[in-house]
Amino acid sequence: MSQNIINAIDLLGEIEQDSTVPKNIRARIKSAMDVLEEKESDAAVKTDKALEELDIISEDSNMPMYTRTQIYQIVSLLESSE
């Protein structure tokens, strides 16, 4: 697992623990984390699935602005790991 993916998982964990983030967003964050932590899948496939989840999350109008910034940072990390 690349360092960028490990960093992305850590950042996603921080967002998931943030009680100011709506539950539906935290659930999708957890889903993206689970995808990235899969042992069986290819790294490129895991990254693509996680990016799809994060794309859906980033369009949610209920997301706090600082969380959206964090999501963009994670997307950037994952895109550079491909």
C-alpha atoms as a PDB file:
ATOM      1  CA  MET A   1       0.000   0.000   0.000  1.00  0.00           C
ATOM      2  CA  SER A   2       1.445   3.363  -0.997  1.00  0.00           C
ATOM      3  CA  GLN A   3       2.132   6.123   1.502  1.00  0.00           C
ATOM      4  CA  ASN A   4      -0.439   8.370  -0.214  1.00  0.00           C
ATOM      5  CA  ILE A   5      -3.181   5.793   0.352  1.00  0.00           C
ATOM      6  CA  ILE A   6      -2.162   5.385   3.991  1.00  0.00           C
ATOM      7  CA  ASN A   7      -2.244   9.177   4.437  1.00  0.00           C
ATOM      8  CA  ALA A   8      -5.658   9.326   2.740  1.00  0.00           C
ATOM      9  CA  ILE A   9      -7.029   6.656   5.101  1.00  0.00           C
ATOM     10  CA  ASP A  10      -5.724   8.632   8.093  1.00  0.00           C
ATOM     11  CA  LEU A  11      -7.358  11.839   6.859  1.00  0.00           C
ATOM     12  CA  LEU A  12     -10.624  10.032   6.142  1.00  0.00           C
ATOM     13  CA  GLY A  13     -10.527   8.664   9.688  1.00  0.00           C
ATOM     14  CA  GLU A  14     -10.250  12.173  11.067  1.00  0.00           C
ATOM     15  CA  ILE A  15     -13.320  13.258   9.103  1.00  0.00           C
ATOM     16  CA  GLU A  16     -15.237  10.157  10.168  1.00  0.00           C
ATOM     17  CA  GLN A  17     -14.584  10.982  13.839  1.00  0.00           C
ATOM     18  CA  ASP A  18     -15.720  14.610  13.428  1.00  0.00           C
ATOM     19  CA  SER A  19     -19.140  14.924  15.055  1.00  0.00           C
ATOM     20  CA  THR A  20     -19.909  18.133  13.128  1.00  0.00           C
ATOM     21  CA  VAL A  21     -19.982  16.183   9.854  1.00  0.00           C
ATOM     22  CA  PRO A  22     -23.462  14.857   8.964  1.00  0.00           C
ATOM     23  CA  LYS A  23     -24.046  11.117   9.495  1.00  0.00           C
ATOM     24  CA  ASN A  24     -24.693  10.348   5.818  1.00  0.00           C
ATOM     25  CA  ILE A  25     -21.337  11.857   4.879  1.00  0.00           C
ATOM     26  CA  ARG A  26     -19.547   9.981   7.661  1.00  0.00           C
ATOM     27  CA  ALA A  27     -21.124   6.744   6.395  1.00  0.00           C
ATOM     28  CA  ARG A  28     -19.782   7.364   2.892  1.00  0.00           C
ATOM     29  CA  ILE A  29     -16.384   8.288   4.340  1.00  0.00           C
ATOM     30  CA  LYS A  30     -16.364   4.951   6.172  1.00  0.00           C
ATOM     31  CA  SER A  31     -17.259   3.206   2.911  1.00  0.00           C
ATOM     32  CA  ALA A  32     -14.353   4.900   1.115  1.00  0.00           C
ATOM     33  CA  MET A  33     -12.020   3.898   3.950  1.00  0.00           C
ATOM     34  CA  ASP A  34     -13.194   0.290   3.770  1.00  0.00           C
ATOM     35  CA  VAL A  35     -12.530   0.223   0.025  1.00  0.00           C
ATOM     36  CA  LEU A  36      -9.009   1.581   0.487  1.00  0.00           C
ATOM     37  CA  GLU A  37      -8.252  -0.909   3.266  1.00  0.00           C
ATOM     38  CA  GLU A  38      -9.256  -3.981   1.219  1.00  0.00           C
ATOM     39  CA  LYS A  39      -6.392  -6.440   0.994  1.00  0.00           C
ATOM     40  CA  GLU A  40      -7.596  -8.404  -2.016  1.00  0.00           C
ATOM     41  CA  SER A  41      -8.154  -5.625  -4.568  1.00  0.00           C
ATOM     42  CA  ASP A  42      -5.659  -4.004  -6.908  1.00  0.00           C
ATOM     43  CA  ALA A  43      -4.491  -0.546  -5.776  1.00  0.00           C
ATOM     44  CA  ALA A  44      -5.797   1.170  -8.920  1.00  0.00           C
ATOM     45  CA  VAL A  45      -9.242  -0.400  -8.510  1.00  0.00           C
ATOM     46  CA  LYS A  46      -9.388   0.569  -4.827  1.00  0.00           C
ATOM     47  CA  THR A  47      -8.363   4.117  -5.635  1.00  0.00           C
ATOM     48  CA  ASP A  48     -10.977   4.462  -8.381  1.00  0.00           C
ATOM     49  CA  LYS A  49     -13.761   3.161  -6.133  1.00  0.00           C
ATOM     50  CA  ALA A  50     -12.733   5.486  -3.321  1.00  0.00           C
ATOM     51  CA  LEU A  51     -12.561   8.451  -5.711  1.00  0.00           C
ATOM     52  CA  GLU A  52     -16.113   7.692  -6.873  1.00  0.00           C
ATOM     53  CA  GLU A  53     -17.332   7.762  -3.255  1.00  0.00           C
ATOM     54  CA  LEU A  54     -15.473  10.987  -2.569  1.00  0.00           C
ATOM     55  CA  ASP A  55     -16.919  12.571  -5.708  1.00  0.00           C
ATOM     56  CA  ILE A  56     -20.427  11.815  -4.468  1.00  0.00           C
ATOM     57  CA  ILE A  57     -19.543  13.165  -1.028  1.00  0.00           C
ATOM     58  CA  SER A  58     -18.058  16.376  -2.413  1.00  0.00           C
ATOM     59  CA  GLU A  59     -21.366  17.253  -4.085  1.00  0.00           C
ATOM     60  CA  ASP A  60     -23.374  17.065  -0.843  1.00  0.00           C
ATOM     61  CA  SER A  61     -24.733  20.509   0.017  1.00  0.00           C
ATOM     62  CA  ASN A  62     -24.817  19.712   3.763  1.00  0.00           C
ATOM     63  CA  MET A  63     -21.070  19.283   4.019  1.00  0.00           C
ATOM     64  CA  PRO A  64     -19.188  21.882   6.057  1.00  0.00           C
ATOM     65  CA  MET A  65     -16.812  23.938   3.909  1.00  0.00           C
ATOM     66  CA  TYR A  66     -13.690  22.885   5.848  1.00  0.00           C
ATOM     67  CA  THR A  67     -14.645  19.229   5.320  1.00  0.00           C
ATOM     68  CA  ARG A  68     -15.020  19.823   1.588  1.00  0.00           C
ATOM     69  CA  THR A  69     -11.482  21.228   1.584  1.00  0.00           C
ATOM     70  CA  GLN A  70     -10.247  18.104   3.370  1.00  0.00           C
ATOM     71  CA  ILE A  71     -12.031  15.910   0.806  1.00  0.00           C
ATOM     72  CA  TYR A  72     -10.315  17.766  -2.047  1.00  0.00           C
ATOM     73  CA  GLN A  73      -6.964  17.230  -0.331  1.00  0.00           C
ATOM     74  CA  ILE A  74      -7.680  13.487  -0.059  1.00  0.00           C
ATOM     75  CA  VAL A  75      -8.750  13.320  -3.703  1.00  0.00           C
ATOM     76  CA  SER A  76      -5.483  14.984  -4.666  1.00  0.00           C
ATOM     77  CA  LEU A  77      -3.514  12.436  -2.616  1.00  0.00           C
ATOM     78  CA  LEU A  78      -5.330   9.506  -4.200  1.00  0.00           C
ATOM     79  CA  GLU A  79      -4.965  10.863  -7.727  1.00  0.00           C
ATOM     80  CA  SER A  80      -1.226  11.262  -7.239  1.00  0.00           C
ATOM     81  CA  SER A  81      -0.937   7.649  -6.041  1.00  0.00           C
ATOM     82  CA  GLU A  82      -2.284   6.228  -9.318  1.00  0.00           C
END
